[in-house]
Amino acid sequence: MTLPLGGAPREAGGLICSAKGCRATARWALRWNNPSLHEPQRRKTWLACEDHREHLSEFLGVRGFLREVEPAPVDDAHRA
């Protein structure tokens, strides 16, 4: 599945992790929604590097928001 990239944080190296203060390249897309605010089919996306995947997944999971974790989309604009 290809994820939309509009609004995703980027740097010269491509997509970056959503963890506060992290500038690492994102490797994972954490797809989530807040069932009290969003329709069941709606998905929001946080990006995670290898170091923050578990922490961000746990943060969303404890709240019942995490729906799926997928490899981050390839950002063709920043391919080497």
Protein backbone atom coordinates (compact mmCIF):
# COMPACT_ATOMS: atom_id res chain seq x y z
CA MET A 1 0.00 0.00 0.00
CA THR A 2 1.34 3.43 -0.88
CA LEU A 3 0.87 6.09 1.74
CA PRO A 4 0.24 9.71 0.89
CA LEU A 5 3.28 11.87 1.50
CA GLY A 6 1.56 15.26 1.66
CA GLY A 7 2.49 16.97 4.89
CA ALA A 8 5.02 14.32 5.92
CA PRO A 9 8.12 15.80 7.54
CA ARG A 10 11.07 15.85 5.12
CA GLU A 11 14.71 16.76 5.05
CA ALA A 12 17.33 16.47 2.34
CA GLY A 13 17.58 12.72 3.03
CA GLY A 14 13.84 12.11 2.70
CA LEU A 15 11.10 11.43 5.22
CA ILE A 16 12.00 11.95 8.88
CA CYS A 17 10.85 10.39 12.13
CA SER A 18 7.87 11.97 13.93
CA ALA A 19 9.43 11.53 17.39
CA LYS A 20 10.08 14.88 19.07
CA GLY A 21 13.55 16.16 18.24
CA CYS A 22 14.47 13.18 16.05
CA ARG A 23 15.91 13.93 12.60
CA ALA A 24 16.54 10.29 11.58
CA THR A 25 15.20 8.82 8.36
CA ALA A 26 11.78 7.23 8.82
CA ARG A 27 11.61 3.51 8.10
CA TRP A 28 8.11 2.79 9.44
CA ALA A 29 4.63 4.25 9.00
CA LEU A 30 2.41 3.91 12.07
CA ARG A 31 -1.19 4.13 10.90
CA TRP A 32 -3.64 5.18 13.58
CA ASN A 33 -6.93 6.83 14.38
CA ASN A 34 -8.73 8.07 17.46
CA PRO A 35 -12.07 6.24 17.44
CA SER A 36 -13.75 9.00 19.43
CA LEU A 37 -12.80 11.59 16.76
CA HIS A 38 -12.31 9.74 13.46
CA GLU A 39 -14.40 7.52 11.22
CA PRO A 40 -13.27 3.86 11.50
CA GLN A 41 -11.71 3.83 8.01
CA ARG A 42 -9.72 7.07 8.50
CA ARG A 43 -6.00 6.70 9.10
CA LYS A 44 -3.48 9.24 10.25
CA THR A 45 0.23 8.50 9.92
CA TRP A 46 3.21 8.98 12.18
CA LEU A 47 6.61 8.12 10.76
CA ALA A 48 9.23 6.32 12.84
CA CYS A 49 12.91 5.52 12.59
CA GLU A 50 14.19 2.15 13.82
CA ASP A 51 14.99 3.60 17.26
CA HIS A 52 11.52 5.10 17.84
CA ARG A 53 9.23 2.51 16.24
CA GLU A 54 8.60 0.62 19.48
CA HIS A 55 8.14 3.74 21.63
CA LEU A 56 5.70 5.45 19.24
CA SER A 57 3.80 2.19 18.66
CA GLU A 58 3.47 1.67 22.42
CA PHE A 59 2.28 5.27 22.91
CA LEU A 60 -0.50 4.81 20.33
CA GLY A 61 -1.26 1.22 21.35
CA VAL A 62 -1.85 2.02 25.04
CA ARG A 63 -4.49 4.53 23.94
CA GLY A 64 -6.13 2.06 21.54
CA PHE A 65 -5.23 4.22 18.53
CA LEU A 66 -2.69 2.05 16.65
CA ARG A 67 -4.19 0.26 13.66
CA GLU A 68 -1.24 -0.99 11.63
CA VAL A 69 2.52 -0.60 11.20
CA GLU A 70 3.93 -0.72 7.67
CA PRO A 71 7.25 0.05 6.00
CA ALA A 72 7.48 3.79 5.31
CA PRO A 73 6.70 4.81 1.75
CA VAL A 74 9.59 5.36 -0.61
CA ASP A 75 10.10 9.05 -1.20
CA ASP A 76 11.02 9.04 -4.90
CA ALA A 77 11.97 12.72 -4.79
CA HIS A 78 14.91 11.88 -2.50
CA ARG A 79 16.11 8.59 -3.94
CA ALA A 80 19.84 8.31 -4.53
